[in-house]
Protein backbone atom coordinates (compact mmCIF):
# COMPACT_ATOMS: atom_id res chain seq x y z
CA MET A 1 -15.06 3.27 -11.73
CA SER A 2 -12.08 4.42 -9.71
CA VAL A 3 -11.39 5.45 -6.16
CA THR A 4 -10.87 9.14 -5.41
CA PRO A 5 -7.88 9.37 -3.09
CA LYS A 6 -8.34 11.28 0.13
CA PRO A 7 -5.61 13.93 0.49
CA ILE A 8 -3.30 12.89 3.32
CA ARG A 9 -1.66 15.70 5.28
CA ARG A 10 2.01 14.96 5.77
CA VAL A 11 3.96 16.86 8.43
CA VAL A 12 7.68 16.13 8.13
CA THR A 13 9.90 17.39 10.93
CA GLY A 14 13.64 17.86 11.12
CA THR A 15 16.33 20.08 12.53
CA ASP A 16 17.21 23.58 11.30
CA ALA A 17 20.68 25.09 10.88
CA GLN A 18 20.61 26.28 14.52
CA GLY A 19 19.91 22.75 15.83
CA ARG A 20 16.23 23.45 16.63
CA SER A 21 13.42 21.07 15.73
CA CYS A 22 11.20 22.42 12.97
CA VAL A 23 8.68 21.48 10.30
CA LEU A 24 10.31 20.82 6.92
CA TYR A 25 7.11 20.05 4.97
CA ASP A 26 3.44 20.49 5.86
CA SER A 27 1.07 19.76 2.99
CA ALA A 28 -0.86 17.03 1.26
CA ALA A 29 1.47 14.14 0.46
CA PRO A 30 2.61 14.72 -3.14
CA SER A 31 3.10 11.14 -4.35
CA VAL A 32 -0.29 9.60 -5.26
CA ASN A 33 -0.43 6.64 -7.66
CA ARG A 34 -3.21 4.43 -9.02
CA HIS A 35 -2.88 0.64 -8.95
CA VAL A 36 -5.73 -1.68 -10.04
CA SER A 37 -8.51 -1.12 -7.44
CA ALA A 38 -6.76 1.46 -5.28
CA ALA A 39 -4.88 4.73 -5.05
CA MET A 40 -1.63 4.68 -3.10
CA THR A 41 -0.13 7.67 -1.33
CA ASP A 42 3.53 7.30 -0.43
CA LEU A 43 4.37 9.38 2.63
CA TRP A 44 8.04 8.46 2.98
CA VAL A 45 10.48 6.04 1.34
CA TYR A 46 13.77 5.07 2.94
CA PRO A 47 16.42 3.36 0.80
CA ARG A 48 18.09 1.37 3.60
CA THR A 49 18.22 0.85 7.35
CA PRO A 50 19.23 2.49 9.45
CA ALA A 51 17.22 5.13 7.61
CA PRO A 52 19.10 8.29 6.69
CA ILE A 53 17.94 11.32 8.69
CA GLY A 54 19.03 14.93 8.57
CA GLY A 55 19.09 17.47 5.78
CA ASP A 56 16.04 18.75 3.95
CA ARG A 57 15.53 16.19 1.18
CA ASP A 58 11.96 15.07 0.60
CA ASP A 59 11.86 11.27 0.53
CA GLY A 60 8.12 11.45 -0.05
CA ARG A 61 8.72 12.62 -3.64
CA THR A 62 10.35 9.51 -5.06
CA PRO A 63 9.27 7.66 -8.21
CA PHE A 64 6.50 5.16 -7.47
CA ASP A 65 7.33 1.49 -7.10
CA PHE A 66 4.88 -1.01 -5.61
CA GLU A 67 7.78 -2.68 -3.81
CA PRO A 68 9.77 -0.81 -1.16
CA PRO A 69 13.55 -0.58 -1.58
CA HIS A 70 14.91 -4.05 -0.81
CA ASP A 71 17.15 -2.82 2.00
CA GLY A 72 14.69 -0.14 3.18
CA GLY A 73 10.97 0.46 3.18
CA HIS A 74 8.11 2.87 2.75
CA LEU A 75 5.06 4.20 4.54
CA ARG A 76 2.00 4.20 2.28
CA ILE A 77 -1.70 4.93 2.63
CA VAL A 78 -3.95 2.81 0.40
CA HIS A 79 -7.36 4.18 -0.58
CA SER A 80 -9.47 1.25 -1.83
CA GLN A 81 -12.85 1.33 -3.53
CA GLY A 82 -15.77 -0.69 -2.21
CA LYS A 83 -17.90 -2.86 -4.46
CA PRO A 84 -20.15 -0.49 -6.44
CA ALA A 85 -23.90 -1.12 -6.00
CA ASP A 86 -24.30 -1.52 -9.77
CA TYR A 87 -21.22 -3.72 -10.21
CA ASP A 88 -21.32 -5.90 -13.33
CA GLN A 89 -18.31 -8.17 -13.68
CA ALA A 90 -18.90 -8.46 -17.44
CA ARG A 91 -18.19 -4.71 -17.81
CA ASP A 92 -15.23 -4.62 -15.40
CA GLU A 93 -12.14 -3.91 -17.54
CA ARG A 94 -9.84 -4.50 -14.53
CA ARG A 95 -11.21 -7.96 -13.77
CA LYS A 96 -8.76 -10.86 -14.19
CA GLU A 97 -9.43 -14.45 -13.26
CA ARG A 98 -6.87 -16.32 -11.17
CA HIS A 99 -4.00 -17.57 -13.35
CA ALA A 100 -0.57 -19.16 -13.15
CA THR A 101 2.06 -17.18 -11.24
CA GLU A 102 3.64 -14.27 -13.14
CA ARG A 103 6.61 -12.19 -11.96
CA ALA A 104 6.46 -8.42 -12.44
CA PRO A 105 9.71 -6.58 -13.34
CA ASN A 106 9.93 -5.32 -9.72
CA GLY A 107 9.86 -8.90 -8.39
CA THR A 108 6.25 -9.02 -7.12
CA LEU A 109 4.52 -12.30 -7.95
CA TYR A 110 0.90 -12.15 -9.20
CA ARG A 111 -1.86 -14.71 -9.72
CA GLY A 112 -4.71 -12.46 -10.94
CA GLY A 113 -8.03 -12.45 -9.10
CA GLN A 114 -8.47 -8.67 -9.18
CA ASN A 115 -11.51 -6.58 -10.05
CA ALA A 116 -12.81 -3.05 -9.42
CA TYR A 117 -12.91 -3.63 -5.64
CA SER A 118 -10.28 -6.33 -5.05
CA SER A 119 -6.50 -6.33 -5.40
CA PRO A 120 -4.72 -9.02 -7.37
CA TYR A 121 -3.56 -12.02 -5.39
CA HIS A 122 0.13 -11.31 -4.88
CA LYS A 123 3.30 -12.04 -2.95
CA SER A 124 6.36 -9.90 -2.35
CA GLN A 125 9.60 -10.37 -0.46
CA THR A 126 8.57 -7.88 2.21
CA MET A 127 7.42 -7.69 5.79
CA ASP A 128 4.33 -5.47 5.99
CA TYR A 129 2.41 -3.92 8.85
CA GLY A 130 -1.11 -2.99 7.70
CA ILE A 131 -3.42 -0.88 9.90
CA LEU A 132 -7.03 -0.37 8.83
CA LEU A 133 -7.92 3.29 9.45
CA GLU A 134 -11.40 3.65 7.88
CA GLY A 135 -14.04 1.40 6.34
CA LEU A 136 -14.12 -2.37 6.12
CA ARG A 137 -11.64 -4.54 4.28
CA SER A 138 -11.06 -8.27 4.03
CA LEU A 139 -7.71 -10.03 3.79
CA ILE A 140 -7.74 -13.01 1.41
CA LEU A 141 -5.35 -15.89 2.16
CA ASP A 142 -5.09 -19.47 0.90
CA ASP A 143 -6.89 -20.69 4.03
CA GLY A 144 -9.78 -18.19 4.02
CA VAL A 145 -11.04 -14.61 4.13
CA TYR A 146 -10.43 -12.49 7.23
CA PRO A 147 -12.67 -9.41 7.70
CA MET A 148 -11.00 -6.37 9.25
CA LYS A 149 -12.45 -3.30 10.92
CA PRO A 150 -10.85 0.06 11.83
CA GLY A 151 -8.02 -0.40 14.32
CA ASP A 152 -7.21 -3.96 13.23
CA VAL A 153 -3.59 -4.68 12.32
CA VAL A 154 -2.15 -7.37 10.05
CA VAL A 155 1.52 -8.42 9.98
CA GLN A 156 2.34 -10.02 6.63
CA LEU A 157 5.49 -12.10 6.35
CA GLY A 158 6.03 -12.41 2.60
CA ASN A 159 3.00 -14.65 2.00
CA TRP A 160 0.42 -14.88 -0.82
CA HIS A 161 -2.51 -12.55 -0.16
CA GLY A 162 -5.10 -10.25 -1.65
CA TRP A 163 -7.54 -7.62 -0.41
CA THR A 164 -11.22 -7.08 -1.12
CA ASN A 165 -13.64 -4.30 -0.25
CA VAL A 166 -17.05 -5.91 -0.70
CA ASP A 167 -18.74 -3.79 2.02
CA SER A 168 -17.22 -0.30 1.78
CA ASP A 169 -14.38 1.93 0.65
CA SER A 170 -11.39 1.77 2.98
CA LEU A 171 -8.29 3.64 4.03
CA MET A 172 -5.35 1.55 5.22
CA ALA A 173 -1.78 2.40 6.26
CA PHE A 174 1.06 0.08 5.30
CA LEU A 175 4.65 0.11 6.48
CA MET A 176 6.36 -2.19 3.97
CA MET A 177 9.97 -3.24 4.49
CA GLY A 178 12.32 -5.26 2.33
CA ALA A 179 12.88 -8.71 3.81
CA ARG A 180 14.73 -11.95 3.23
CA VAL A 181 13.44 -15.51 3.47
CA LYS A 182 14.83 -17.22 6.59
CA GLU A 183 17.31 -19.93 5.66
């Protein structure tokens, strides 16, 4: 069981040598990565803010990291699989029960809880805007489960959360930015 990522057309514009606006890249986004119950397509990664603009570099071809650059961010499309009709948790190799907090090398904190159609429960030092584009998806928080439909937006402020797709596959855009805890 794994989700088949939908190719995402990425049109990147810029300025040519004569100062005219132009298309630099127009193709399927090249950076597609698999992560537990989803495929993630990075459209653009910026190392810091203000984001560097100009030139013809392709910041959509950077090595994958779940976390955005701490002083920058990334725009990512997440393709998530819905719960298969014949789902059997005993045969799900990706399934992990909730467990004590573990820190990944990139700094993301995890508590398990994932399966073929749900992300692990996790927390990162980021501010994320998530926009559901297609399908149905539910946000899991400590205080409950919040169903989302296309057009719904979530703003996540570095809190514990997970995602589940019990009802359908989904396509969701995330703008994730490095953040700092308010002192």
